[in-house]
Full PDB file with SEQRES, HELIX, SHEET, SSBOND, CRYST1, ORIGX, SCALE, CONECT and MASTER records, all heavy atoms in Angstrom:
SEQRES   1 A   41  MET GLY ASN ALA ALA VAL ALA ARG LEU LEU ALA SER GLN          
SEQRES   2 A   41  SER ASN THR LEU ALA ARG ASP PRO LEU PRO THR GLY ASP          
SEQRES   3 A   41  ASP TYR GLN ARG ALA ARG ASN ALA LYS GLU GLU TYR VAL          
SEQRES   4 A   41  ARG GLY                                                      
HELIX    1 AA1 ASN A    3  ALA A   11  1                                   9    
HELIX    2 AA2 GLY A   25  ARG A   40  1                                  16    
CRYST1    1.000    1.000    1.000  90.00  90.00  90.00 P 1           1          
ORIGX1      1.000000  0.000000  0.000000        0.00000                         
ORIGX2      0.000000  1.000000  0.000000        0.00000                         
ORIGX3      0.000000  0.000000  1.000000        0.00000                         
SCALE1      1.000000  0.000000  0.000000        0.00000                         
SCALE2      0.000000  1.000000  0.000000        0.00000                         
SCALE3      0.000000  0.000000  1.000000        0.00000                         
ATOM      1  N   MET A   1     -52.682 -11.763  10.848  1.00  0.00           N  
ATOM      2  CA  MET A   1     -52.479 -12.517  12.110  1.00  0.00           C  
ATOM      3  C   MET A   1     -53.089 -13.872  12.017  1.00  0.00           C  
ATOM      4  O   MET A   1     -52.745 -14.721  12.809  1.00  0.00           O  
ATOM      5  CB  MET A   1     -53.105 -11.664  13.244  1.00  0.00           C  
ATOM      6  CG  MET A   1     -52.576 -10.296  13.493  1.00  0.00           C  
ATOM      7  SD  MET A   1     -53.592  -9.525  14.849  1.00  0.00           S  
ATOM      8  CE  MET A   1     -53.451 -10.658  16.083  1.00  0.00           C  
ATOM      9  N   GLY A   2     -54.079 -14.164  11.042  1.00  0.00           N  
ATOM     10  CA  GLY A   2     -54.767 -15.369  11.065  1.00  0.00           C  
ATOM     11  C   GLY A   2     -56.115 -15.160  11.846  1.00  0.00           C  
ATOM     12  O   GLY A   2     -56.354 -14.425  12.676  1.00  0.00           O  
ATOM     13  N   ASN A   3     -57.117 -16.034  11.409  1.00  0.00           N  
ATOM     14  CA  ASN A   3     -58.395 -15.894  11.842  1.00  0.00           C  
ATOM     15  C   ASN A   3     -58.374 -16.102  13.413  1.00  0.00           C  
ATOM     16  O   ASN A   3     -59.188 -15.503  14.203  1.00  0.00           O  
ATOM     17  CB  ASN A   3     -59.379 -16.782  11.045  1.00  0.00           C  
ATOM     18  CG  ASN A   3     -59.636 -16.332   9.643  1.00  0.00           C  
ATOM     19  OD1 ASN A   3     -59.427 -15.139   9.382  1.00  0.00           O  
ATOM     20  ND2 ASN A   3     -60.008 -17.216   8.809  1.00  0.00           N  
ATOM     21  N   ALA A   4     -57.725 -17.221  13.861  1.00  0.00           N  
ATOM     22  CA  ALA A   4     -57.805 -17.626  15.196  1.00  0.00           C  
ATOM     23  C   ALA A   4     -57.328 -16.553  16.188  1.00  0.00           C  
ATOM     24  O   ALA A   4     -57.983 -16.278  17.194  1.00  0.00           O  
ATOM     25  CB  ALA A   4     -56.969 -19.000  15.431  1.00  0.00           C  
ATOM     26  N   ALA A   5     -56.131 -15.832  15.786  1.00  0.00           N  
ATOM     27  CA  ALA A   5     -55.631 -14.900  16.591  1.00  0.00           C  
ATOM     28  C   ALA A   5     -56.619 -13.642  16.681  1.00  0.00           C  
ATOM     29  O   ALA A   5     -56.760 -13.154  17.815  1.00  0.00           O  
ATOM     30  CB  ALA A   5     -54.239 -14.401  16.168  1.00  0.00           C  
ATOM     31  N   VAL A   6     -57.300 -13.361  15.630  1.00  0.00           N  
ATOM     32  CA  VAL A   6     -58.087 -12.236  15.555  1.00  0.00           C  
ATOM     33  C   VAL A   6     -59.329 -12.590  16.393  1.00  0.00           C  
ATOM     34  O   VAL A   6     -59.888 -11.691  17.196  1.00  0.00           O  
ATOM     35  CB  VAL A   6     -58.646 -11.909  14.114  1.00  0.00           C  
ATOM     36  CG1 VAL A   6     -59.573 -10.805  14.161  1.00  0.00           C  
ATOM     37  CG2 VAL A   6     -57.411 -11.233  13.296  1.00  0.00           C  
ATOM     38  N   ALA A   7     -59.879 -13.748  16.382  1.00  0.00           N  
ATOM     39  CA  ALA A   7     -61.013 -14.123  17.104  1.00  0.00           C  
ATOM     40  C   ALA A   7     -60.729 -14.040  18.612  1.00  0.00           C  
ATOM     41  O   ALA A   7     -61.523 -13.510  19.437  1.00  0.00           O  
ATOM     42  CB  ALA A   7     -61.463 -15.573  16.672  1.00  0.00           C  
ATOM     43  N   ARG A   8     -59.429 -14.472  19.006  1.00  0.00           N  
ATOM     44  CA  ARG A   8     -59.130 -14.345  20.408  1.00  0.00           C  
ATOM     45  C   ARG A   8     -59.112 -12.859  20.852  1.00  0.00           C  
ATOM     46  O   ARG A   8     -59.573 -12.596  21.952  1.00  0.00           O  
ATOM     47  CB  ARG A   8     -57.822 -15.022  20.730  1.00  0.00           C  
ATOM     48  CG  ARG A   8     -57.781 -16.641  20.692  1.00  0.00           C  
ATOM     49  CD  ARG A   8     -56.590 -17.192  21.361  1.00  0.00           C  
ATOM     50  NE  ARG A   8     -55.321 -16.781  20.497  1.00  0.00           N  
ATOM     51  CZ  ARG A   8     -54.901 -17.499  19.449  1.00  0.00           C  
ATOM     52  NH1 ARG A   8     -55.580 -18.664  19.177  1.00  0.00           N  
ATOM     53  NH2 ARG A   8     -53.895 -17.222  18.896  1.00  0.00           N  
ATOM     54  N   LEU A   9     -58.477 -12.103  20.011  1.00  0.00           N  
ATOM     55  CA  LEU A   9     -58.371 -10.665  20.338  1.00  0.00           C  
ATOM     56  C   LEU A   9     -59.731  -9.993  20.438  1.00  0.00           C  
ATOM     57  O   LEU A   9     -60.079  -9.183  21.398  1.00  0.00           O  
ATOM     58  CB  LEU A   9     -57.487  -9.998  19.391  1.00  0.00           C  
ATOM     59  CG  LEU A   9     -55.979 -10.280  19.486  1.00  0.00           C  
ATOM     60  CD1 LEU A   9     -55.296  -9.674  18.349  1.00  0.00           C  
ATOM     61  CD2 LEU A   9     -55.323  -9.793  20.808  1.00  0.00           C  
ATOM     62  N   LEU A  10     -60.621 -10.242  19.582  1.00  0.00           N  
ATOM     63  CA  LEU A  10     -61.963  -9.612  19.554  1.00  0.00           C  
ATOM     64  C   LEU A  10     -62.749 -10.075  20.690  1.00  0.00           C  
ATOM     65  O   LEU A  10     -63.430  -9.333  21.296  1.00  0.00           O  
ATOM     66  CB  LEU A  10     -62.701 -10.015  18.196  1.00  0.00           C  
ATOM     67  CG  LEU A  10     -62.204  -9.321  16.962  1.00  0.00           C  
ATOM     68  CD1 LEU A  10     -62.907  -9.907  15.731  1.00  0.00           C  
ATOM     69  CD2 LEU A  10     -62.363  -7.884  16.922  1.00  0.00           C  
ATOM     70  N   ALA A  11     -62.566 -11.440  21.091  1.00  0.00           N  
ATOM     71  CA  ALA A  11     -63.470 -11.926  22.264  1.00  0.00           C  
ATOM     72  C   ALA A  11     -62.920 -11.254  23.572  1.00  0.00           C  
ATOM     73  O   ALA A  11     -63.760 -11.246  24.548  1.00  0.00           O  
ATOM     74  CB  ALA A  11     -63.221 -13.438  22.328  1.00  0.00           C  
ATOM     75  N   SER A  12     -61.709 -10.818  23.604  1.00  0.00           N  
ATOM     76  CA  SER A  12     -61.196 -10.247  24.757  1.00  0.00           C  
ATOM     77  C   SER A  12     -61.570  -8.777  25.022  1.00  0.00           C  
ATOM     78  O   SER A  12     -61.322  -8.407  26.156  1.00  0.00           O  
ATOM     79  CB  SER A  12     -59.670 -10.468  24.806  1.00  0.00           C  
ATOM     80  OG  SER A  12     -59.074  -9.631  23.898  1.00  0.00           O  
ATOM     81  N   GLN A  13     -62.139  -8.187  24.006  1.00  0.00           N  
ATOM     82  CA  GLN A  13     -62.350  -6.807  24.155  1.00  0.00           C  
ATOM     83  C   GLN A  13     -63.741  -6.509  24.826  1.00  0.00           C  
ATOM     84  O   GLN A  13     -64.741  -7.092  24.494  1.00  0.00           O  
ATOM     85  CB  GLN A  13     -62.449  -6.091  22.845  1.00  0.00           C  
ATOM     86  CG  GLN A  13     -61.056  -6.310  21.904  1.00  0.00           C  
ATOM     87  CD  GLN A  13     -59.968  -5.767  22.697  1.00  0.00           C  
ATOM     88  OE1 GLN A  13     -59.940  -4.624  23.134  1.00  0.00           O  
ATOM     89  NE2 GLN A  13     -58.977  -6.579  22.990  1.00  0.00           N  
ATOM     90  N   SER A  14     -63.699  -5.693  25.867  1.00  0.00           N  
ATOM     91  CA  SER A  14     -65.022  -5.396  26.613  1.00  0.00           C  
ATOM     92  C   SER A  14     -65.664  -4.065  26.064  1.00  0.00           C  
ATOM     93  O   SER A  14     -66.801  -3.847  26.381  1.00  0.00           O  
ATOM     94  CB  SER A  14     -64.648  -5.128  28.118  1.00  0.00           C  
ATOM     95  OG  SER A  14     -63.738  -4.164  28.258  1.00  0.00           O  
ATOM     96  N   ASN A  15     -64.891  -3.352  25.232  1.00  0.00           N  
ATOM     97  CA  ASN A  15     -65.345  -2.128  24.691  1.00  0.00           C  
ATOM     98  C   ASN A  15     -65.231  -2.200  23.167  1.00  0.00           C  
ATOM     99  O   ASN A  15     -64.819  -3.349  22.605  1.00  0.00           O  
ATOM    100  CB  ASN A  15     -64.646  -0.905  25.036  1.00  0.00           C  
ATOM    101  CG  ASN A  15     -64.666  -0.727  26.593  1.00  0.00           C  
ATOM    102  OD1 ASN A  15     -65.718  -0.786  27.167  1.00  0.00           O  
ATOM    103  ND2 ASN A  15     -63.538  -0.534  27.164  1.00  0.00           N  
ATOM    104  N   THR A  16     -65.863  -1.314  22.431  1.00  0.00           N  
ATOM    105  CA  THR A  16     -65.684  -1.296  20.897  1.00  0.00           C  
ATOM    106  C   THR A  16     -64.243  -1.208  20.598  1.00  0.00           C  
ATOM    107  O   THR A  16     -63.393  -0.619  21.325  1.00  0.00           O  
ATOM    108  CB  THR A  16     -66.546  -0.212  20.289  1.00  0.00           C  
ATOM    109  OG1 THR A  16     -65.918   1.041  20.691  1.00  0.00           O  
ATOM    110  CG2 THR A  16     -67.990  -0.247  20.782  1.00  0.00           C  
ATOM    111  N   LEU A  17     -63.911  -1.556  19.345  1.00  0.00           N  
ATOM    112  CA  LEU A  17     -62.499  -1.420  18.904  1.00  0.00           C  
ATOM    113  C   LEU A  17     -62.024   0.049  18.957  1.00  0.00           C  
ATOM    114  O   LEU A  17     -60.978   0.325  19.124  1.00  0.00           O  
ATOM    115  CB  LEU A  17     -62.381  -2.103  17.627  1.00  0.00           C  
ATOM    116  CG  LEU A  17     -62.453  -3.557  17.633  1.00  0.00           C  
ATOM    117  CD1 LEU A  17     -62.368  -4.105  16.128  1.00  0.00           C  
ATOM    118  CD2 LEU A  17     -61.349  -4.205  18.544  1.00  0.00           C  
ATOM    119  N   ALA A  18     -62.979   0.932  18.551  1.00  0.00           N  
ATOM    120  CA  ALA A  18     -62.564   2.308  18.547  1.00  0.00           C  
ATOM    121  C   ALA A  18     -62.164   2.941  19.796  1.00  0.00           C  
ATOM    122  O   ALA A  18     -61.312   3.714  19.940  1.00  0.00           O  
ATOM    123  CB  ALA A  18     -63.798   3.205  17.963  1.00  0.00           C  
ATOM    124  N   ARG A  19     -62.916   2.486  20.881  1.00  0.00           N  
ATOM    125  CA  ARG A  19     -62.569   2.992  22.253  1.00  0.00           C  
ATOM    126  C   ARG A  19     -61.510   2.185  22.975  1.00  0.00           C  
ATOM    127  O   ARG A  19     -60.983   2.624  23.877  1.00  0.00           O  
ATOM    128  CB  ARG A  19     -63.865   2.908  23.148  1.00  0.00           C  
ATOM    129  CG  ARG A  19     -65.015   3.918  22.729  1.00  0.00           C  
ATOM    130  CD  ARG A  19     -65.987   4.120  23.942  1.00  0.00           C  
ATOM    131  NE  ARG A  19     -66.490   2.816  24.338  1.00  0.00           N  
ATOM    132  CZ  ARG A  19     -67.587   2.280  24.002  1.00  0.00           C  
ATOM    133  NH1 ARG A  19     -68.274   2.845  23.041  1.00  0.00           N  
ATOM    134  NH2 ARG A  19     -67.882   1.215  24.661  1.00  0.00           N  
ATOM    135  N   ASP A  20     -61.399   0.873  22.569  1.00  0.00           N  
ATOM    136  CA  ASP A  20     -60.389   0.027  23.239  1.00  0.00           C  
ATOM    137  C   ASP A  20     -59.559  -0.606  22.191  1.00  0.00           C  
ATOM    138  O   ASP A  20     -59.777  -1.796  21.821  1.00  0.00           O  
ATOM    139  CB  ASP A  20     -61.130  -1.018  24.059  1.00  0.00           C  
ATOM    140  CG  ASP A  20     -60.178  -1.729  25.056  1.00  0.00           C  
ATOM    141  OD1 ASP A  20     -59.042  -1.382  25.104  1.00  0.00           O  
ATOM    142  OD2 ASP A  20     -60.656  -2.645  25.695  1.00  0.00           O  
ATOM    143  N   PRO A  21     -58.461   0.037  21.725  1.00  0.00           N  
ATOM    144  CA  PRO A  21     -57.791  -0.437  20.460  1.00  0.00           C  
ATOM    145  C   PRO A  21     -57.171  -1.918  20.797  1.00  0.00           C  
ATOM    146  O   PRO A  21     -56.789  -2.227  21.997  1.00  0.00           O  
ATOM    147  CB  PRO A  21     -56.681   0.486  20.286  1.00  0.00           C  
ATOM    148  CG  PRO A  21     -57.187   1.716  20.901  1.00  0.00           C  
ATOM    149  CD  PRO A  21     -57.995   1.180  22.088  1.00  0.00           C  
ATOM    150  N   LEU A  22     -57.008  -2.651  19.749  1.00  0.00           N  
ATOM    151  CA  LEU A  22     -56.265  -3.899  19.885  1.00  0.00           C  
ATOM    152  C   LEU A  22     -54.840  -3.649  20.168  1.00  0.00           C  
ATOM    153  O   LEU A  22     -54.274  -2.571  19.790  1.00  0.00           O  
ATOM    154  CB  LEU A  22     -56.478  -4.755  18.600  1.00  0.00           C  
ATOM    155  CG  LEU A  22     -57.788  -5.237  18.116  1.00  0.00           C  
ATOM    156  CD1 LEU A  22     -57.713  -5.779  16.762  1.00  0.00           C  
ATOM    157  CD2 LEU A  22     -58.240  -6.249  19.109  1.00  0.00           C  
ATOM    158  N   PRO A  23     -54.167  -4.603  20.854  1.00  0.00           N  
ATOM    159  CA  PRO A  23     -52.731  -4.398  21.173  1.00  0.00           C  
ATOM    160  C   PRO A  23     -51.966  -4.293  19.914  1.00  0.00           C  
ATOM    161  O   PRO A  23     -52.155  -4.963  18.960  1.00  0.00           O  
ATOM    162  CB  PRO A  23     -52.390  -5.556  21.999  1.00  0.00           C  
ATOM    163  CG  PRO A  23     -53.479  -6.685  21.655  1.00  0.00           C  
ATOM    164  CD  PRO A  23     -54.556  -5.906  21.367  1.00  0.00           C  
ATOM    165  N   THR A  24     -50.863  -3.567  19.810  1.00  0.00           N  
ATOM    166  CA  THR A  24     -50.081  -3.365  18.761  1.00  0.00           C  
ATOM    167  C   THR A  24     -48.672  -4.005  19.101  1.00  0.00           C  
ATOM    168  O   THR A  24     -48.393  -4.449  20.262  1.00  0.00           O  
ATOM    169  CB  THR A  24     -49.759  -1.834  18.594  1.00  0.00           C  
ATOM    170  OG1 THR A  24     -48.968  -1.363  19.546  1.00  0.00           O  
ATOM    171  CG2 THR A  24     -51.043  -1.103  18.326  1.00  0.00           C  
ATOM    172  N   GLY A  25     -47.864  -4.105  18.019  1.00  0.00           N  
ATOM    173  CA  GLY A  25     -46.421  -4.610  18.188  1.00  0.00           C  
ATOM    174  C   GLY A  25     -45.746  -3.792  19.251  1.00  0.00           C  
ATOM    175  O   GLY A  25     -44.919  -4.348  20.022  1.00  0.00           O  
ATOM    176  N   ASP A  26     -45.979  -2.466  19.371  1.00  0.00           N  
ATOM    177  CA  ASP A  26     -45.275  -1.669  20.322  1.00  0.00           C  
ATOM    178  C   ASP A  26     -45.815  -1.970  21.742  1.00  0.00           C  
ATOM    179  O   ASP A  26     -44.942  -2.094  22.657  1.00  0.00           O  
ATOM    180  CB  ASP A  26     -45.646  -0.086  20.119  1.00  0.00           C  
ATOM    181  CG  ASP A  26     -44.912   0.338  18.850  1.00  0.00           C  
ATOM    182  OD1 ASP A  26     -43.896  -0.370  18.366  1.00  0.00           O  
ATOM    183  OD2 ASP A  26     -45.314   1.382  18.262  1.00  0.00           O  
ATOM    184  N   ASP A  27     -47.023  -2.351  21.932  1.00  0.00           N  
ATOM    185  CA  ASP A  27     -47.595  -2.710  23.140  1.00  0.00           C  
ATOM    186  C   ASP A  27     -46.971  -3.970  23.673  1.00  0.00           C  
ATOM    187  O   ASP A  27     -46.535  -4.163  24.806  1.00  0.00           O  
ATOM    188  CB  ASP A  27     -49.111  -3.086  23.055  1.00  0.00           C  
ATOM    189  CG  ASP A  27     -49.947  -1.826  22.815  1.00  0.00           C  
ATOM    190  OD1 ASP A  27     -49.466  -0.721  23.209  1.00  0.00           O  
ATOM    191  OD2 ASP A  27     -50.968  -1.912  22.265  1.00  0.00           O  
ATOM    192  N   TYR A  28     -46.728  -4.941  22.667  1.00  0.00           N  
ATOM    193  CA  TYR A  28     -46.143  -6.230  23.067  1.00  0.00           C  
ATOM    194  C   TYR A  28     -44.624  -5.955  23.470  1.00  0.00           C  
ATOM    195  O   TYR A  28     -44.220  -6.570  24.462  1.00  0.00           O  
ATOM    196  CB  TYR A  28     -46.221  -7.090  21.797  1.00  0.00           C  
ATOM    197  CG  TYR A  28     -45.365  -8.300  21.867  1.00  0.00           C  
ATOM    198  CD1 TYR A  28     -45.756  -9.432  22.668  1.00  0.00           C  
ATOM    199  CD2 TYR A  28     -44.134  -8.492  21.250  1.00  0.00           C  
ATOM    200  CE1 TYR A  28     -44.955 -10.499  22.866  1.00  0.00           C  
ATOM    201  CE2 TYR A  28     -43.386  -9.529  21.361  1.00  0.00           C  
ATOM    202  CZ  TYR A  28     -43.770 -10.616  22.151  1.00  0.00           C  
ATOM    203  OH  TYR A  28     -42.900 -11.752  22.309  1.00  0.00           O  
ATOM    204  N   GLN A  29     -43.989  -5.214  22.716  1.00  0.00           N  
ATOM    205  CA  GLN A  29     -42.657  -5.039  23.008  1.00  0.00           C  
ATOM    206  C   GLN A  29     -42.296  -4.312  24.369  1.00  0.00           C  
ATOM    207  O   GLN A  29     -41.457  -4.664  25.163  1.00  0.00           O  
ATOM    208  CB  GLN A  29     -41.885  -4.152  21.880  1.00  0.00           C  
ATOM    209  CG  GLN A  29     -40.338  -3.937  22.078  1.00  0.00           C  
ATOM    210  CD  GLN A  29     -39.686  -5.410  22.093  1.00  0.00           C  
ATOM    211  OE1 GLN A  29     -39.839  -6.098  20.991  1.00  0.00           O  
ATOM    212  NE2 GLN A  29     -38.959  -5.676  23.041  1.00  0.00           N  
ATOM    213  N   ARG A  30     -43.259  -3.269  24.526  1.00  0.00           N  
ATOM    214  CA  ARG A  30     -43.070  -2.668  25.954  1.00  0.00           C  
ATOM    215  C   ARG A  30     -43.435  -3.651  27.043  1.00  0.00           C  
ATOM    216  O   ARG A  30     -42.681  -3.638  28.061  1.00  0.00           O  
ATOM    217  CB  ARG A  30     -44.039  -1.467  26.075  1.00  0.00           C  
ATOM    218  CG  ARG A  30     -43.589  -0.206  25.312  1.00  0.00           C  
ATOM    219  CD  ARG A  30     -44.334   1.010  25.633  1.00  0.00           C  
ATOM    220  NE  ARG A  30     -45.739   0.867  25.150  1.00  0.00           N  
ATOM    221  CZ  ARG A  30     -46.087   1.338  23.953  1.00  0.00           C  
ATOM    222  NH1 ARG A  30     -45.253   1.837  23.124  1.00  0.00           N  
ATOM    223  NH2 ARG A  30     -47.437   1.114  23.432  1.00  0.00           N  
ATOM    224  N   ALA A  31     -44.441  -4.470  26.901  1.00  0.00           N  
ATOM    225  CA  ALA A  31     -44.754  -5.418  27.926  1.00  0.00           C  
ATOM    226  C   ALA A  31     -43.627  -6.504  28.117  1.00  0.00           C  
ATOM    227  O   ALA A  31     -43.258  -6.741  29.275  1.00  0.00           O  
ATOM    228  CB  ALA A  31     -46.126  -6.155  27.645  1.00  0.00           C  
ATOM    229  N   ARG A  32     -43.093  -6.947  27.075  1.00  0.00           N  
ATOM    230  CA  ARG A  32     -41.930  -7.994  27.161  1.00  0.00           C  
ATOM    231  C   ARG A  32     -40.698  -7.263  27.745  1.00  0.00           C  
ATOM    232  O   ARG A  32     -40.097  -8.007  28.601  1.00  0.00           O  
ATOM    233  CB  ARG A  32     -41.628  -8.545  25.809  1.00  0.00           C  
ATOM    234  CG  ARG A  32     -42.818  -9.151  25.083  1.00  0.00           C  
ATOM    235  CD  ARG A  32     -43.350 -10.317  26.079  1.00  0.00           C  
ATOM    236  NE  ARG A  32     -42.430 -11.429  26.278  1.00  0.00           N  
ATOM    237  CZ  ARG A  32     -42.492 -12.329  27.125  1.00  0.00           C  
ATOM    238  NH1 ARG A  32     -43.662 -12.297  27.994  1.00  0.00           N  
ATOM    239  NH2 ARG A  32     -41.578 -13.222  27.412  1.00  0.00           N  
ATOM    240  N   ASN A  33     -40.479  -6.081  27.473  1.00  0.00           N  
ATOM    241  CA  ASN A  33     -39.298  -5.408  28.143  1.00  0.00           C  
ATOM    242  C   ASN A  33     -39.614  -5.261  29.590  1.00  0.00           C  
ATOM    243  O   ASN A  33     -38.525  -5.451  30.343  1.00  0.00           O  
ATOM    244  CB  ASN A  33     -39.020  -4.010  27.408  1.00  0.00           C  
ATOM    245  CG  ASN A  33     -38.537  -4.149  26.032  1.00  0.00           C  
ATOM    246  OD1 ASN A  33     -38.052  -5.265  25.610  1.00  0.00           O  
ATOM    247  ND2 ASN A  33     -38.581  -3.089  25.213  1.00  0.00           N  
ATOM    248  N   ALA A  34     -40.715  -4.813  29.930  1.00  0.00           N  
ATOM    249  CA  ALA A  34     -41.069  -4.640  31.359  1.00  0.00           C  
ATOM    250  C   ALA A  34     -40.941  -5.993  32.142  1.00  0.00           C  
ATOM    251  O   ALA A  34     -40.482  -6.069  33.308  1.00  0.00           O  
ATOM    252  CB  ALA A  34     -42.431  -4.008  31.500  1.00  0.00           C  
ATOM    253  N   LYS A  35     -41.488  -6.989  31.534  1.00  0.00           N  
ATOM    254  CA  LYS A  35     -41.448  -8.393  32.186  1.00  0.00           C  
ATOM    255  C   LYS A  35     -39.957  -8.797  32.418  1.00  0.00           C  
ATOM    256  O   LYS A  35     -39.610  -9.272  33.435  1.00  0.00           O  
ATOM    257  CB  LYS A  35     -42.156  -9.349  31.288  1.00  0.00           C  
ATOM    258  CG  LYS A  35     -42.342 -10.667  31.988  1.00  0.00           C  
ATOM    259  CD  LYS A  35     -41.327 -11.622  31.445  1.00  0.00           C  
ATOM    260  CE  LYS A  35     -41.487 -12.971  32.002  1.00  0.00           C  
ATOM    261  NZ  LYS A  35     -40.513 -14.057  31.410  1.00  0.00           N  
ATOM    262  N   GLU A  36     -39.146  -8.594  31.281  1.00  0.00           N  
ATOM    263  CA  GLU A  36     -37.739  -9.047  31.474  1.00  0.00           C  
ATOM    264  C   GLU A  36     -36.999  -8.161  32.423  1.00  0.00           C  
ATOM    265  O   GLU A  36     -36.101  -8.695  33.134  1.00  0.00           O  
ATOM    266  CB  GLU A  36     -37.050  -8.953  30.101  1.00  0.00           C  
ATOM    267  CG  GLU A  36     -37.553  -9.954  29.023  1.00  0.00           C  
ATOM    268  CD  GLU A  36     -37.514 -11.350  29.549  1.00  0.00           C  
ATOM    269  OE1 GLU A  36     -36.511 -11.736  30.201  1.00  0.00           O  
ATOM    270  OE2 GLU A  36     -38.398 -12.183  29.293  1.00  0.00           O  
ATOM    271  N   GLU A  37     -37.278  -6.968  32.471  1.00  0.00           N  
ATOM    272  CA  GLU A  37     -36.695  -6.082  33.621  1.00  0.00           C  
ATOM    273  C   GLU A  37     -37.120  -6.509  34.969  1.00  0.00           C  
ATOM    274  O   GLU A  37     -36.329  -6.563  35.915  1.00  0.00           O  
ATOM    275  CB  GLU A  37     -37.103  -4.640  33.278  1.00  0.00           C  
ATOM    276  CG  GLU A  37     -36.448  -3.703  34.369  1.00  0.00           C  
ATOM    277  CD  GLU A  37     -36.792  -2.234  34.056  1.00  0.00           C  
ATOM    278  OE1 GLU A  37     -37.657  -1.981  33.076  1.00  0.00           O  
ATOM    279  OE2 GLU A  37     -36.422  -1.441  34.820  1.00  0.00           O  
ATOM    280  N   TYR A  38     -38.402  -6.900  35.048  1.00  0.00           N  
ATOM    281  CA  TYR A  38     -38.935  -7.351  36.389  1.00  0.00           C  
ATOM    282  C   TYR A  38     -38.133  -8.683  36.785  1.00  0.00           C  
ATOM    283  O   TYR A  38     -37.610  -8.890  37.918  1.00  0.00           O  
ATOM    284  CB  TYR A  38     -40.418  -7.649  36.321  1.00  0.00           C  
ATOM    285  CG  TYR A  38     -40.965  -8.248  37.580  1.00  0.00           C  
ATOM    286  CD1 TYR A  38     -41.357  -7.335  38.575  1.00  0.00           C  
ATOM    287  CD2 TYR A  38     -41.028  -9.584  37.912  1.00  0.00           C  
ATOM    288  CE1 TYR A  38     -41.904  -7.820  39.795  1.00  0.00           C  
ATOM    289  CE2 TYR A  38     -41.538 -10.127  39.117  1.00  0.00           C  
ATOM    290  CZ  TYR A  38     -42.036  -9.192  39.999  1.00  0.00           C  
ATOM    291  OH  TYR A  38     -42.389  -9.566  41.229  1.00  0.00           O  
ATOM    292  N   VAL A  39     -37.871  -9.612  35.991  1.00  0.00           N  
ATOM    293  CA  VAL A  39     -37.163 -10.791  36.185  1.00  0.00           C  
ATOM    294  C   VAL A  39     -35.774 -10.560  36.545  1.00  0.00           C  
ATOM    295  O   VAL A  39     -35.162 -11.115  37.520  1.00  0.00           O  
ATOM    296  CB  VAL A  39     -37.191 -11.780  35.010  1.00  0.00           C  
ATOM    297  CG1 VAL A  39     -36.285 -12.999  35.126  1.00  0.00           C  
ATOM    298  CG2 VAL A  39     -38.737 -12.273  34.667  1.00  0.00           C  
ATOM    299  N   ARG A  40     -35.183  -9.554  35.854  1.00  0.00           N  
ATOM    300  CA  ARG A  40     -33.764  -9.313  36.148  1.00  0.00           C  
ATOM    301  C   ARG A  40     -33.641  -8.637  37.534  1.00  0.00           C  
ATOM    302  O   ARG A  40     -32.535  -8.554  38.114  1.00  0.00           O  
ATOM    303  CB  ARG A  40     -33.202  -8.278  35.131  1.00  0.00           C  
ATOM    304  CG  ARG A  40     -32.837  -8.953  33.770  1.00  0.00           C  
ATOM    305  CD  ARG A  40     -31.964  -7.984  32.976  1.00  0.00           C  
ATOM    306  NE  ARG A  40     -32.623  -6.779  32.598  1.00  0.00           N  
ATOM    307  CZ  ARG A  40     -33.470  -6.572  31.483  1.00  0.00           C  
ATOM    308  NH1 ARG A  40     -33.666  -7.630  30.623  1.00  0.00           N  
ATOM    309  NH2 ARG A  40     -34.026  -5.470  31.241  1.00  0.00           N  
ATOM    310  N   GLY A  41     -34.832  -8.142  38.053  1.00  0.00           N  
ATOM    311  CA  GLY A  41     -34.818  -7.575  39.415  1.00  0.00           C  
ATOM    312  C   GLY A  41     -34.449  -8.498  40.608  1.00  0.00           C  
ATOM    313  O   GLY A  41     -34.298  -8.255  41.705  1.00  0.00           O  
TER     314      GLY A  41                                                      
MASTER        0    0    0    2    0    0    0    6  313    1    0    4          
END                                                                             
């Protein structure tokens, strides 16, 4: 991902990585699909 992206993601975590996993590609895709479906509404 690059150092800058990892730093942003780490800074945004309020819990440990084990309890609060970083977003995955699947998380991103689901969110984008949901957003596009909302717009189509």
